[in-house]
Amino acid sequence: MALWVIVGASRGIGLEMARQLAARGEEVVATARRPSEALAATGAEVVEGVDVSSEEGVQPLATALAGRRVDALVCNAGILKGDTLATLDFDDALAHYNVNALGPLRVVRALLENLGAGSRVGIVTSRVGSLADNASGGNYAYRMSKAAANMAAKNLSIELAGRGIAVAALHPGYVRTDMTQGRGNITADVAARGLIMRMEALNMDNTGTFWHAEGYELPW
């Protein structure tokens, strides 16, 4: 039985990942900043009070996992607030960067001793962070934070390769969740199923790559 850790699982995609993995009998540790009845109902082990915006905020997870090997780590916590150049709030932009780009690094560093040869790390980013794929502009804070998250995933894949830890950036699709205010073309359960499949396909041969949940590689 593999131990999966889902960071940011109180709702949406993370919640569905925790639900699906627990339902098939995996050992699942899922985090939330605040209690979530839906998450508790999945049967996953829930660690509350985890906030990736600070080193102190990820400590409860590190404490809960002390001495336990993590086979699959999914960094899913994130924020999204739409903007244009005219409406961009620079404090909001810094908050996006802090959570979406630095958050995964805080989690990986805090859990580094839990990861070993054969472990897999997935950072849920977005294709809107792709420079080559940007044809519509806008969403400065979110796009720039996700581009930085993509770089974090690539950097980690290089640094952790010697330890046999595979890392990928993962795009879930345009998902109907609270974060997207119900807009999107797929549901969270479909996105979660795809992300789980991408995590299971991740290995040292394809580490350092950027994948759509549907199964095809995305451009940086």
N, C-alpha and C. Protein backbone atom coordinates (compact mmCIF):
# COMPACT_ATOMS: atom_id res chain seq x y z
N MET A 1 0.84 -1.20 0.00
CA MET A 1 0.00 0.00 0.00
C MET A 1 0.88 1.25 0.00
N ALA A 2 0.66 2.11 -0.95
CA ALA A 2 1.45 3.34 -1.05
C ALA A 2 0.88 4.43 -0.16
N LEU A 3 1.75 5.29 0.33
CA LEU A 3 1.31 6.45 1.09
C LEU A 3 1.29 7.66 0.18
N TRP A 4 0.10 8.19 -0.04
CA TRP A 4 -0.10 9.39 -0.83
C TRP A 4 -0.35 10.56 0.10
N VAL A 5 0.30 11.70 -0.17
CA VAL A 5 0.06 12.93 0.58
C VAL A 5 -0.50 13.96 -0.38
N ILE A 6 -1.68 14.46 -0.07
CA ILE A 6 -2.35 15.47 -0.90
C ILE A 6 -2.40 16.77 -0.11
N VAL A 7 -1.66 17.76 -0.55
CA VAL A 7 -1.61 19.05 0.15
C VAL A 7 -2.59 20.00 -0.53
N GLY A 8 -3.58 20.44 0.23
CA GLY A 8 -4.65 21.29 -0.31
C GLY A 8 -5.81 20.42 -0.76
N ALA A 9 -6.51 19.80 0.21
CA ALA A 9 -7.51 18.79 -0.13
C ALA A 9 -8.88 19.06 0.49
N SER A 10 -9.13 20.27 0.94
CA SER A 10 -10.40 20.54 1.61
C SER A 10 -11.58 20.58 0.65
N ARG A 11 -11.28 20.81 -0.65
CA ARG A 11 -12.34 20.92 -1.64
C ARG A 11 -11.76 20.67 -3.03
N GLY A 12 -12.62 20.67 -4.02
CA GLY A 12 -12.19 20.63 -5.41
C GLY A 12 -11.36 19.42 -5.78
N ILE A 13 -10.31 19.66 -6.56
CA ILE A 13 -9.49 18.59 -7.10
C ILE A 13 -8.80 17.78 -6.00
N GLY A 14 -8.23 18.48 -5.02
CA GLY A 14 -7.54 17.77 -3.94
C GLY A 14 -8.47 16.86 -3.17
N LEU A 15 -9.68 17.34 -2.89
CA LEU A 15 -10.68 16.52 -2.20
C LEU A 15 -11.00 15.28 -3.01
N GLU A 16 -11.19 15.44 -4.31
CA GLU A 16 -11.52 14.29 -5.16
C GLU A 16 -10.36 13.31 -5.25
N MET A 17 -9.14 13.80 -5.27
CA MET A 17 -8.00 12.89 -5.27
C MET A 17 -7.97 12.07 -3.99
N ALA A 18 -8.16 12.74 -2.86
CA ALA A 18 -8.18 12.03 -1.58
C ALA A 18 -9.30 11.00 -1.55
N ARG A 19 -10.47 11.37 -2.04
CA ARG A 19 -11.61 10.46 -2.04
C ARG A 19 -11.35 9.23 -2.90
N GLN A 20 -10.85 9.45 -4.11
CA GLN A 20 -10.63 8.33 -5.02
C GLN A 20 -9.52 7.40 -4.53
N LEU A 21 -8.46 7.98 -4.02
CA LEU A 21 -7.35 7.15 -3.54
C LEU A 21 -7.75 6.35 -2.30
N ALA A 22 -8.45 6.99 -1.37
CA ALA A 22 -8.88 6.28 -0.17
C ALA A 22 -9.88 5.18 -0.53
N ALA A 23 -10.73 5.44 -1.51
CA ALA A 23 -11.76 4.46 -1.90
C ALA A 23 -11.14 3.19 -2.47
N ARG A 24 -9.99 3.30 -3.08
CA ARG A 24 -9.35 2.11 -3.65
C ARG A 24 -8.35 1.47 -2.68
N GLY A 25 -8.30 1.99 -1.46
CA GLY A 25 -7.53 1.33 -0.42
C GLY A 25 -6.13 1.85 -0.19
N GLU A 26 -5.78 2.99 -0.81
CA GLU A 26 -4.46 3.57 -0.56
C GLU A 26 -4.43 4.25 0.81
N GLU A 27 -3.24 4.36 1.36
CA GLU A 27 -3.06 5.15 2.58
C GLU A 27 -2.94 6.61 2.15
N VAL A 28 -3.82 7.46 2.66
CA VAL A 28 -3.87 8.84 2.21
C VAL A 28 -3.77 9.79 3.40
N VAL A 29 -2.86 10.73 3.31
CA VAL A 29 -2.78 11.84 4.26
C VAL A 29 -3.14 13.09 3.47
N ALA A 30 -4.16 13.80 3.92
CA ALA A 30 -4.65 14.97 3.20
C ALA A 30 -4.66 16.17 4.13
N THR A 31 -4.31 17.33 3.58
CA THR A 31 -4.21 18.52 4.43
C THR A 31 -5.30 19.54 4.10
N ALA A 32 -5.58 20.36 5.10
CA ALA A 32 -6.52 21.47 4.94
C ALA A 32 -6.12 22.56 5.92
N ARG A 33 -6.38 23.79 5.54
CA ARG A 33 -6.13 24.88 6.50
C ARG A 33 -7.15 24.85 7.62
N ARG A 34 -8.40 24.54 7.24
CA ARG A 34 -9.49 24.50 8.21
C ARG A 34 -10.24 23.18 8.09
N PRO A 35 -10.97 22.78 9.12
CA PRO A 35 -11.70 21.51 9.06
C PRO A 35 -12.67 21.47 7.88
N SER A 36 -12.78 20.30 7.27
CA SER A 36 -13.68 20.09 6.14
C SER A 36 -14.44 18.79 6.35
N GLU A 37 -15.76 18.90 6.50
CA GLU A 37 -16.55 17.68 6.69
C GLU A 37 -16.43 16.74 5.50
N ALA A 38 -16.38 17.32 4.30
CA ALA A 38 -16.27 16.49 3.10
C ALA A 38 -14.96 15.72 3.10
N LEU A 39 -13.87 16.36 3.51
CA LEU A 39 -12.58 15.68 3.54
C LEU A 39 -12.56 14.60 4.61
N ALA A 40 -13.11 14.89 5.77
CA ALA A 40 -13.16 13.89 6.84
C ALA A 40 -13.94 12.66 6.40
N ALA A 41 -14.96 12.86 5.57
CA ALA A 41 -15.80 11.75 5.12
C ALA A 41 -15.09 10.82 4.13
N THR A 42 -13.94 11.25 3.59
CA THR A 42 -13.24 10.39 2.62
C THR A 42 -12.58 9.20 3.28
N GLY A 43 -12.31 9.30 4.57
CA GLY A 43 -11.58 8.25 5.25
C GLY A 43 -10.08 8.48 5.26
N ALA A 44 -9.63 9.54 4.61
CA ALA A 44 -8.20 9.87 4.62
C ALA A 44 -7.81 10.38 6.01
N GLU A 45 -6.53 10.24 6.33
CA GLU A 45 -5.99 10.85 7.53
C GLU A 45 -5.84 12.34 7.26
N VAL A 46 -6.49 13.16 8.03
CA VAL A 46 -6.52 14.60 7.76
C VAL A 46 -5.60 15.34 8.73
N VAL A 47 -4.76 16.20 8.16
CA VAL A 47 -3.91 17.08 8.97
C VAL A 47 -4.39 18.49 8.74
N GLU A 48 -4.97 19.09 9.78
CA GLU A 48 -5.52 20.43 9.68
C GLU A 48 -4.49 21.48 10.07
N GLY A 49 -4.78 22.72 9.72
CA GLY A 49 -3.92 23.83 10.08
C GLY A 49 -2.68 23.95 9.23
N VAL A 50 -2.67 23.29 8.06
CA VAL A 50 -1.52 23.37 7.16
C VAL A 50 -1.73 24.53 6.19
N ASP A 51 -0.79 25.45 6.18
CA ASP A 51 -0.85 26.65 5.34
C ASP A 51 0.49 26.79 4.64
N VAL A 52 0.51 26.60 3.33
CA VAL A 52 1.78 26.58 2.60
C VAL A 52 2.40 27.96 2.41
N SER A 53 1.74 29.00 2.91
CA SER A 53 2.26 30.36 2.72
C SER A 53 3.38 30.71 3.69
N SER A 54 3.72 29.80 4.61
CA SER A 54 4.83 30.05 5.54
C SER A 54 5.46 28.73 5.94
N GLU A 55 6.72 28.80 6.38
CA GLU A 55 7.40 27.59 6.85
C GLU A 55 6.71 27.04 8.09
N GLU A 56 6.26 27.92 8.97
CA GLU A 56 5.55 27.47 10.16
C GLU A 56 4.26 26.75 9.79
N GLY A 57 3.66 27.19 8.69
CA GLY A 57 2.38 26.63 8.27
C GLY A 57 2.47 25.20 7.76
N VAL A 58 3.65 24.78 7.29
CA VAL A 58 3.77 23.40 6.81
C VAL A 58 4.32 22.47 7.89
N GLN A 59 4.70 23.02 9.03
CA GLN A 59 5.26 22.20 10.09
C GLN A 59 4.30 21.15 10.62
N PRO A 60 2.98 21.44 10.76
CA PRO A 60 2.08 20.39 11.24
C PRO A 60 2.10 19.14 10.37
N LEU A 61 2.29 19.31 9.06
CA LEU A 61 2.36 18.16 8.18
C LEU A 61 3.66 17.39 8.40
N ALA A 62 4.77 18.12 8.50
CA ALA A 62 6.04 17.45 8.75
C ALA A 62 6.01 16.67 10.06
N THR A 63 5.38 17.23 11.07
CA THR A 63 5.27 16.55 12.36
C THR A 63 4.43 15.29 12.25
N ALA A 64 3.31 15.38 11.54
CA ALA A 64 2.41 14.24 11.39
C ALA A 64 3.06 13.10 10.61
N LEU A 65 3.99 13.43 9.72
CA LEU A 65 4.61 12.42 8.87
C LEU A 65 5.98 11.98 9.36
N ALA A 66 6.39 12.42 10.51
CA ALA A 66 7.72 12.10 11.02
C ALA A 66 7.97 10.59 11.00
N GLY A 67 9.07 10.18 10.35
CA GLY A 67 9.44 8.78 10.30
C GLY A 67 8.68 7.93 9.30
N ARG A 68 7.83 8.55 8.48
CA ARG A 68 7.02 7.78 7.52
C ARG A 68 7.48 8.09 6.09
N ARG A 69 7.62 7.03 5.29
CA ARG A 69 8.00 7.22 3.90
C ARG A 69 6.79 7.70 3.11
N VAL A 70 7.00 8.69 2.25
CA VAL A 70 5.96 9.20 1.36
C VAL A 70 6.25 8.69 -0.04
N ASP A 71 5.32 7.95 -0.62
CA ASP A 71 5.51 7.41 -1.96
C ASP A 71 5.09 8.41 -3.04
N ALA A 72 4.03 9.17 -2.77
CA ALA A 72 3.54 10.13 -3.75
C ALA A 72 3.09 11.39 -3.03
N LEU A 73 3.65 12.53 -3.43
CA LEU A 73 3.32 13.82 -2.83
C LEU A 73 2.73 14.71 -3.90
N VAL A 74 1.53 15.21 -3.66
CA VAL A 74 0.86 16.10 -4.61
C VAL A 74 0.66 17.46 -3.95
N CYS A 75 1.31 18.46 -4.50
CA CYS A 75 1.19 19.83 -3.98
C CYS A 75 0.09 20.53 -4.78
N ASN A 76 -1.08 20.62 -4.19
CA ASN A 76 -2.26 21.11 -4.90
C ASN A 76 -2.76 22.46 -4.39
N ALA A 77 -2.28 22.90 -3.24
CA ALA A 77 -2.78 24.16 -2.66
C ALA A 77 -2.46 25.33 -3.59
N GLY A 78 -3.44 26.21 -3.78
CA GLY A 78 -3.21 27.35 -4.65
C GLY A 78 -4.30 28.39 -4.51
N ILE A 79 -4.03 29.57 -5.06
CA ILE A 79 -5.02 30.65 -5.08
C ILE A 79 -5.11 31.23 -6.49
N LEU A 80 -6.26 31.80 -6.79
CA LEU A 80 -6.51 32.40 -8.10
C LEU A 80 -7.40 33.61 -7.94
N LYS A 81 -6.92 34.75 -8.46
CA LYS A 81 -7.73 35.96 -8.54
C LYS A 81 -7.44 36.59 -9.88
N GLY A 82 -8.45 36.71 -10.72
CA GLY A 82 -8.26 37.24 -12.06
C GLY A 82 -7.90 38.72 -12.06
N ASP A 83 -7.17 39.14 -13.09
CA ASP A 83 -6.81 40.55 -13.19
C ASP A 83 -6.42 40.90 -14.62
N THR A 84 -6.29 42.17 -14.86
CA THR A 84 -5.69 42.71 -16.09
C THR A 84 -4.58 43.65 -15.64
N LEU A 85 -3.87 44.24 -16.58
CA LEU A 85 -2.83 45.20 -16.20
C LEU A 85 -3.43 46.35 -15.41
N ALA A 86 -4.63 46.77 -15.79
CA ALA A 86 -5.27 47.91 -15.13
C ALA A 86 -5.72 47.57 -13.71
N THR A 87 -6.12 46.32 -13.48
CA THR A 87 -6.67 45.95 -12.17
C THR A 87 -5.69 45.20 -11.28
N LEU A 88 -4.52 44.86 -11.79
CA LEU A 88 -3.54 44.09 -11.03
C LEU A 88 -3.20 44.78 -9.72
N ASP A 89 -3.33 44.04 -8.63
CA ASP A 89 -2.93 44.51 -7.32
C ASP A 89 -1.60 43.81 -6.99
N PHE A 90 -0.56 44.57 -6.75
CA PHE A 90 0.76 43.98 -6.58
C PHE A 90 0.88 43.16 -5.30
N ASP A 91 0.13 43.54 -4.28
CA ASP A 91 0.13 42.71 -3.07
C ASP A 91 -0.53 41.37 -3.35
N ASP A 92 -1.59 41.37 -4.15
CA ASP A 92 -2.22 40.12 -4.57
C ASP A 92 -1.25 39.27 -5.37
N ALA A 93 -0.48 39.92 -6.25
CA ALA A 93 0.48 39.19 -7.06
C ALA A 93 1.52 38.50 -6.19
N LEU A 94 1.99 39.19 -5.16
CA LEU A 94 2.95 38.59 -4.25
C LEU A 94 2.34 37.43 -3.48
N ALA A 95 1.05 37.56 -3.12
CA ALA A 95 0.37 36.47 -2.43
C ALA A 95 0.26 35.24 -3.33
N HIS A 96 -0.04 35.47 -4.61
CA HIS A 96 -0.10 34.35 -5.56
C HIS A 96 1.26 33.66 -5.64
N TYR A 97 2.32 34.44 -5.76
CA TYR A 97 3.66 33.87 -5.86
C TYR A 97 4.01 33.10 -4.59
N ASN A 98 3.66 33.67 -3.46
CA ASN A 98 3.98 33.04 -2.18
C ASN A 98 3.33 31.68 -2.04
N VAL A 99 2.07 31.57 -2.42
CA VAL A 99 1.34 30.31 -2.27
C VAL A 99 1.61 29.36 -3.43
N ASN A 100 1.45 29.86 -4.66
CA ASN A 100 1.48 28.98 -5.82
C ASN A 100 2.88 28.52 -6.22
N ALA A 101 3.88 29.36 -5.99
CA ALA A 101 5.25 29.02 -6.40
C ALA A 101 6.13 28.61 -5.23
N LEU A 102 6.11 29.40 -4.15
CA LEU A 102 6.95 29.06 -3.00
C LEU A 102 6.32 27.98 -2.13
N GLY A 103 4.99 27.90 -2.13
CA GLY A 103 4.31 26.90 -1.31
C GLY A 103 4.80 25.48 -1.56
N PRO A 104 4.84 25.02 -2.83
CA PRO A 104 5.34 23.66 -3.09
C PRO A 104 6.78 23.46 -2.62
N LEU A 105 7.62 24.48 -2.76
CA LEU A 105 9.00 24.34 -2.30
C LEU A 105 9.06 24.18 -0.78
N ARG A 106 8.22 24.92 -0.07
CA ARG A 106 8.19 24.76 1.39
C ARG A 106 7.79 23.34 1.77
N VAL A 107 6.80 22.80 1.07
CA VAL A 107 6.31 21.46 1.39
C VAL A 107 7.40 20.41 1.10
N VAL A 108 8.00 20.49 -0.09
CA VAL A 108 9.01 19.50 -0.45
C VAL A 108 10.20 19.56 0.50
N ARG A 109 10.64 20.77 0.83
CA ARG A 109 11.78 20.88 1.74
C ARG A 109 11.43 20.32 3.12
N ALA A 110 10.23 20.59 3.59
CA ALA A 110 9.83 20.10 4.91
C ALA A 110 9.72 18.58 4.95
N LEU A 111 9.41 17.97 3.81
CA LEU A 111 9.20 16.52 3.76
C LEU A 111 10.34 15.77 3.07
N LEU A 112 11.47 16.43 2.88
CA LEU A 112 12.54 15.83 2.11
C LEU A 112 13.02 14.51 2.71
N GLU A 113 13.06 14.41 4.03
CA GLU A 113 13.51 13.17 4.66
C GLU A 113 12.47 12.05 4.53
N ASN A 114 11.25 12.40 4.17
CA ASN A 114 10.20 11.39 3.97
C ASN A 114 10.23 10.82 2.56
N LEU A 115 10.94 11.48 1.67
CA LEU A 115 11.00 11.07 0.27
C LEU A 115 12.28 10.30 0.02
N GLY A 116 12.20 9.27 -0.84
CA GLY A 116 13.38 8.49 -1.16
C GLY A 116 13.29 7.93 -2.55
N ALA A 117 14.20 7.05 -2.90
CA ALA A 117 14.22 6.47 -4.23
C ALA A 117 12.87 5.84 -4.56
N GLY A 118 12.31 6.24 -5.69
CA GLY A 118 11.00 5.74 -6.09
C GLY A 118 9.85 6.65 -5.71
N SER A 119 10.10 7.64 -4.87
CA SER A 119 9.04 8.60 -4.52
C SER A 119 8.75 9.50 -5.72
N ARG A 120 7.52 10.00 -5.76
CA ARG A 120 7.09 10.87 -6.85
C ARG A 120 6.49 12.15 -6.28
N VAL A 121 6.82 13.27 -6.91
CA VAL A 121 6.30 14.57 -6.49
C VAL A 121 5.59 15.21 -7.67
N GLY A 122 4.33 15.57 -7.48
CA GLY A 122 3.58 16.28 -8.50
C GLY A 122 3.21 17.67 -8.01
N ILE A 123 3.55 18.68 -8.78
CA ILE A 123 3.17 20.05 -8.44
C ILE A 123 2.05 20.46 -9.39
N VAL A 124 0.87 20.69 -8.85
CA VAL A 124 -0.28 21.07 -9.67
C VAL A 124 -0.11 22.53 -10.05
N THR A 125 0.23 22.76 -11.31
CA THR A 125 0.40 24.12 -11.80
C THR A 125 -0.75 24.41 -12.76
N SER A 126 -0.46 24.94 -13.93
CA SER A 126 -1.49 25.23 -14.92
C SER A 126 -0.84 25.52 -16.25
N ARG A 127 -1.53 25.17 -17.33
CA ARG A 127 -0.98 25.50 -18.64
C ARG A 127 -0.97 27.01 -18.88
N VAL A 128 -1.71 27.77 -18.07
CA VAL A 128 -1.64 29.22 -18.23
C VAL A 128 -0.28 29.77 -17.79
N GLY A 129 0.52 28.93 -17.12
CA GLY A 129 1.88 29.32 -16.79
C GLY A 129 2.88 29.01 -17.89
N SER A 130 2.40 28.44 -18.99
CA SER A 130 3.27 28.13 -20.12
C SER A 130 3.49 29.37 -20.98
N LEU A 131 4.74 29.71 -21.24
CA LEU A 131 5.04 30.85 -22.11
C LEU A 131 4.62 30.53 -23.56
N ALA A 132 4.92 29.32 -24.00
CA ALA A 132 4.62 28.94 -25.38
C ALA A 132 3.14 28.82 -25.66
N ASP A 133 2.36 28.54 -24.62
CA ASP A 133 0.93 28.27 -24.79
C ASP A 133 0.05 29.50 -24.55
N ASN A 134 0.65 30.63 -24.21
CA ASN A 134 -0.13 31.81 -23.86
C ASN A 134 -0.55 32.56 -25.12
N ALA A 135 -1.85 32.48 -25.40
CA ALA A 135 -2.38 33.18 -26.58
C ALA A 135 -3.46 34.18 -26.20
N SER A 136 -3.78 34.30 -24.90
CA SER A 136 -4.90 35.14 -24.50
C SER A 136 -4.53 36.23 -23.50
N GLY A 137 -3.37 36.13 -22.85
CA GLY A 137 -2.95 37.16 -21.91
C GLY A 137 -3.81 37.24 -20.68
N GLY A 138 -3.70 38.34 -19.94
CA GLY A 138 -4.48 38.54 -18.73
C GLY A 138 -4.02 37.66 -17.58
N ASN A 139 -4.71 37.76 -16.45
CA ASN A 139 -4.42 36.95 -15.26
C ASN A 139 -2.93 37.01 -14.91
N TYR A 140 -2.42 38.20 -14.80
CA TYR A 140 -0.99 38.39 -14.57
C TYR A 140 -0.49 37.64 -13.33
N ALA A 141 -1.15 37.86 -12.21
CA ALA A 141 -0.67 37.27 -10.96
C ALA A 141 -0.67 35.75 -11.03
N TYR A 142 -1.77 35.20 -11.51
CA TYR A 142 -1.88 33.74 -11.56
C TYR A 142 -0.92 33.14 -12.58
N ARG A 143 -0.90 33.71 -13.79
CA ARG A 143 0.00 33.19 -14.83
C ARG A 143 1.46 33.23 -14.39
N MET A 144 1.88 34.36 -13.84
CA MET A 144 3.28 34.50 -13.46
C MET A 144 3.64 33.58 -12.30
N SER A 145 2.72 33.39 -11.35
CA SER A 145 3.00 32.49 -10.23
C SER A 145 3.08 31.04 -10.71
N LYS A 146 2.26 30.68 -11.68
CA LYS A 146 2.29 29.30 -12.19
C LYS A 146 3.51 29.06 -13.08
N ALA A 147 3.96 30.08 -13.79
CA ALA A 147 5.21 29.95 -14.54
C ALA A 147 6.36 29.69 -13.57
N ALA A 148 6.35 30.40 -12.44
CA ALA A 148 7.38 30.18 -11.43
C ALA A 148 7.26 28.80 -10.81
N ALA A 149 6.04 28.32 -10.62
CA ALA A 149 5.84 26.97 -10.09
C ALA A 149 6.37 25.92 -11.06
N ASN A 150 6.19 26.17 -12.35
CA ASN A 150 6.75 25.25 -13.35
C ASN A 150 8.28 25.19 -13.23
N MET A 151 8.90 26.34 -13.06
CA MET A 151 10.35 26.36 -12.88
C MET A 151 10.76 25.64 -11.62
N ALA A 152 9.98 25.79 -10.55
CA ALA A 152 10.27 25.08 -9.31
C ALA A 152 10.25 23.57 -9.54
N ALA A 153 9.25 23.09 -10.28
CA ALA A 153 9.16 21.66 -10.56
C ALA A 153 10.37 21.19 -11.35
N LYS A 154 10.75 21.96 -12.36
CA LYS A 154 11.91 21.58 -13.17
C LYS A 154 13.18 21.58 -12.34
N ASN A 155 13.38 22.61 -11.55
CA ASN A 155 14.56 22.68 -10.68
C ASN A 155 14.61 21.49 -9.73
N LEU A 156 13.48 21.18 -9.09
CA LEU A 156 13.43 20.06 -8.16
C LEU A 156 13.78 18.75 -8.85
N SER A 157 13.29 18.59 -10.08
CA SER A 157 13.56 17.34 -10.79
C SER A 157 15.05 17.13 -10.99
N ILE A 158 15.78 18.22 -11.18
CA ILE A 158 17.23 18.12 -11.38
C ILE A 158 17.94 17.86 -10.05
N GLU A 159 17.56 18.62 -9.03
CA GLU A 159 18.23 18.49 -7.74
C GLU A 159 17.96 17.15 -7.08
N LEU A 160 16.75 16.61 -7.26
CA LEU A 160 16.38 15.38 -6.57
C LEU A 160 16.64 14.12 -7.39
N ALA A 161 17.12 14.29 -8.60
CA ALA A 161 17.36 13.12 -9.46
C ALA A 161 18.36 12.15 -8.83
N GLY A 162 19.39 12.68 -8.17
CA GLY A 162 20.39 11.82 -7.55
C GLY A 162 19.84 10.98 -6.42
N ARG A 163 18.70 11.37 -5.90
CA ARG A 163 18.06 10.60 -4.82
C ARG A 163 16.97 9.68 -5.36
N GLY A 164 16.80 9.67 -6.68
CA GLY A 164 15.81 8.78 -7.28
C GLY A 164 14.38 9.25 -7.10
N ILE A 165 14.20 10.57 -6.91
CA ILE A 165 12.86 11.14 -6.72
C ILE A 165 12.43 11.84 -8.01
N ALA A 166 11.30 11.42 -8.56
CA ALA A 166 10.80 11.99 -9.81
C ALA A 166 9.83 13.13 -9.52
N VAL A 167 9.90 14.17 -10.35
CA VAL A 167 9.08 15.37 -10.14
C VAL A 167 8.46 15.79 -11.46
N ALA A 168 7.19 16.20 -11.43
CA ALA A 168 6.52 16.70 -12.63
C ALA A 168 5.61 17.87 -12.29
N ALA A 169 5.44 18.74 -13.26
CA ALA A 169 4.42 19.79 -13.19
C ALA A 169 3.16 19.22 -13.85
N LEU A 170 2.01 19.45 -13.23
CA LEU A 170 0.77 18.82 -13.70
C LEU A 170 -0.33 19.86 -13.88
N HIS A 171 -0.96 19.82 -15.05
CA HIS A 171 -2.10 20.69 -15.33
C HIS A 171 -3.38 19.86 -15.26
N PRO A 172 -4.34 20.23 -14.40
CA PRO A 172 -5.54 19.41 -14.23
C PRO A 172 -6.59 19.58 -15.31
N GLY A 173 -6.46 20.63 -16.15
CA GLY A 173 -7.53 20.98 -17.08
C GLY A 173 -8.28 22.20 -16.56
N TYR A 174 -9.28 22.61 -17.31
CA TYR A 174 -10.12 23.74 -16.90
C TYR A 174 -11.28 23.15 -16.12
N VAL A 175 -11.16 23.19 -14.80
CA VAL A 175 -12.02 22.40 -13.92
C VAL A 175 -13.06 23.28 -13.23
N ARG A 176 -14.29 22.80 -13.18
CA ARG A 176 -15.36 23.51 -12.50
C ARG A 176 -15.22 23.33 -10.99
N THR A 177 -14.65 24.34 -10.33
CA THR A 177 -14.46 24.32 -8.88
C THR A 177 -14.81 25.68 -8.32
N ASP A 178 -14.75 25.80 -6.99
CA ASP A 178 -14.95 27.11 -6.36
C ASP A 178 -13.90 28.10 -6.84
N MET A 179 -12.67 27.63 -7.06
CA MET A 179 -11.60 28.52 -7.48
C MET A 179 -11.91 29.18 -8.82
N THR A 180 -12.54 28.43 -9.72
CA THR A 180 -12.87 28.97 -11.05
C THR A 180 -14.30 29.52 -11.08
N GLN A 181 -14.91 29.62 -9.90
CA GLN A 181 -16.29 30.13 -9.77
C GLN A 181 -17.26 29.30 -10.62
N GLY A 182 -17.02 28.00 -10.66
CA GLY A 182 -17.91 27.08 -11.36
C GLY A 182 -17.73 27.03 -12.85
N ARG A 183 -16.77 27.81 -13.38
CA ARG A 183 -16.51 27.76 -14.81
C ARG A 183 -15.54 26.63 -15.12
N GLY A 184 -15.61 26.11 -16.33
CA GLY A 184 -14.70 25.04 -16.73
C GLY A 184 -15.39 24.07 -17.64
N ASN A 185 -14.63 23.10 -18.15
CA ASN A 185 -15.22 22.13 -19.06
C ASN A 185 -15.16 20.69 -18.56
N ILE A 186 -14.58 20.49 -17.36
CA ILE A 186 -14.62 19.16 -16.75
C ILE A 186 -14.90 19.30 -15.25
N THR A 187 -15.28 18.21 -14.64
CA THR A 187 -15.56 18.21 -13.20
C THR A 187 -14.30 17.80 -12.43
N ALA A 188 -14.32 18.08 -11.14
CA ALA A 188 -13.15 17.80 -10.30
C ALA A 188 -12.83 16.31 -10.24
N ASP A 189 -13.85 15.46 -10.28
CA ASP A 189 -13.57 14.03 -10.20
C ASP A 189 -12.84 13.53 -11.44
N VAL A 190 -13.17 14.08 -12.60
CA VAL A 190 -12.47 13.71 -13.84
C VAL A 190 -11.03 14.19 -13.79
N ALA A 191 -10.83 15.43 -13.36
CA ALA A 191 -9.47 15.97 -13.26
C ALA A 191 -8.64 15.16 -12.27
N ALA A 192 -9.23 14.82 -11.13
CA ALA A 192 -8.51 14.05 -10.12
C ALA A 192 -8.09 12.69 -10.66
N ARG A 193 -8.97 12.05 -11.39
CA ARG A 193 -8.65 10.74 -11.97
C ARG A 193 -7.45 10.85 -12.91
N GLY A 194 -7.44 11.90 -13.73
CA GLY A 194 -6.33 12.10 -14.65
C GLY A 194 -5.03 12.39 -13.92
N LEU A 195 -5.08 13.21 -12.88
CA LEU A 195 -3.87 13.54 -12.14
C LEU A 195 -3.29 12.30 -11.45
N ILE A 196 -4.16 11.47 -10.92
CA ILE A 196 -3.69 10.23 -10.29
C ILE A 196 -2.97 9.36 -11.33
N MET A 197 -3.52 9.27 -12.51
CA MET A 197 -2.89 8.49 -13.58
C MET A 197 -1.53 9.07 -13.96
N ARG A 198 -1.43 10.39 -14.02
CA ARG A 198 -0.15 11.01 -14.36
C ARG A 198 0.88 10.75 -13.26
N MET A 199 0.45 10.79 -12.02
CA MET A 199 1.36 10.51 -10.92
C MET A 199 1.84 9.07 -10.97
N GLU A 200 0.96 8.17 -11.30
CA GLU A 200 1.35 6.76 -11.36
C GLU A 200 2.29 6.48 -12.53
N ALA A 201 2.22 7.30 -13.57
CA ALA A 201 3.11 7.12 -14.73
C ALA A 201 4.44 7.84 -14.56
N LEU A 202 4.58 8.63 -13.51
CA LEU A 202 5.79 9.42 -13.30
C LEU A 202 6.94 8.53 -12.82
N ASN A 203 8.09 8.67 -13.45
CA ASN A 203 9.26 7.90 -13.05
C ASN A 203 10.52 8.68 -13.43
N MET A 204 11.67 8.06 -13.24
CA MET A 204 12.92 8.76 -13.51
C MET A 204 13.18 8.94 -15.01
N ASP A 205 12.44 8.25 -15.84
CA ASP A 205 12.60 8.43 -17.29
C ASP A 205 11.89 9.70 -17.78
N ASN A 206 10.81 10.09 -17.10
CA ASN A 206 10.07 11.28 -17.55
C ASN A 206 10.04 12.39 -16.50
N THR A 207 10.92 12.30 -15.51
CA THR A 207 10.99 13.37 -14.50
C THR A 207 11.35 14.69 -15.17
N GLY A 208 10.86 15.79 -14.58
CA GLY A 208 11.17 17.10 -15.11
C GLY A 208 10.33 17.50 -16.30
N THR A 209 9.13 16.93 -16.43
CA THR A 209 8.25 17.22 -17.55
C THR A 209 6.95 17.85 -17.06
N PHE A 210 6.17 18.35 -18.00
CA PHE A 210 4.95 19.13 -17.74
C PHE A 210 3.81 18.44 -18.47
N TRP A 211 2.82 17.95 -17.70
CA TRP A 211 1.79 17.09 -18.27
C TRP A 211 0.38 17.63 -18.06
N HIS A 212 -0.45 17.46 -19.07
CA HIS A 212 -1.89 17.65 -18.93
C HIS A 212 -2.47 16.39 -18.29
N ALA A 213 -3.47 16.56 -17.46
CA ALA A 213 -4.10 15.41 -16.80
C ALA A 213 -4.64 14.41 -17.81
N GLU A 214 -4.95 14.88 -19.02
CA GLU A 214 -5.48 13.98 -20.04
C GLU A 214 -4.42 13.07 -20.64
N GLY A 215 -3.14 13.33 -20.35
CA GLY A 215 -2.11 12.39 -20.77
C GLY A 215 -1.16 12.83 -21.83
N TYR A 216 -1.10 14.12 -22.15
CA TYR A 216 -0.13 14.59 -23.12
C TYR A 216 0.75 15.67 -22.52
N GLU A 217 1.98 15.76 -23.04
CA GLU A 217 2.96 16.69 -22.51
C GLU A 217 2.67 18.10 -23.01
N LEU A 218 2.91 19.07 -22.14
CA LEU A 218 2.66 20.48 -22.46
C LEU A 218 3.98 21.21 -22.67
N PRO A 219 3.96 22.30 -23.46
CA PRO A 219 5.17 23.09 -23.66
C PRO A 219 5.43 24.01 -22.48
N TRP A 220 6.67 24.30 -22.23
CA TRP A 220 7.02 25.23 -21.17
C TRP A 220 6.73 26.68 -21.58
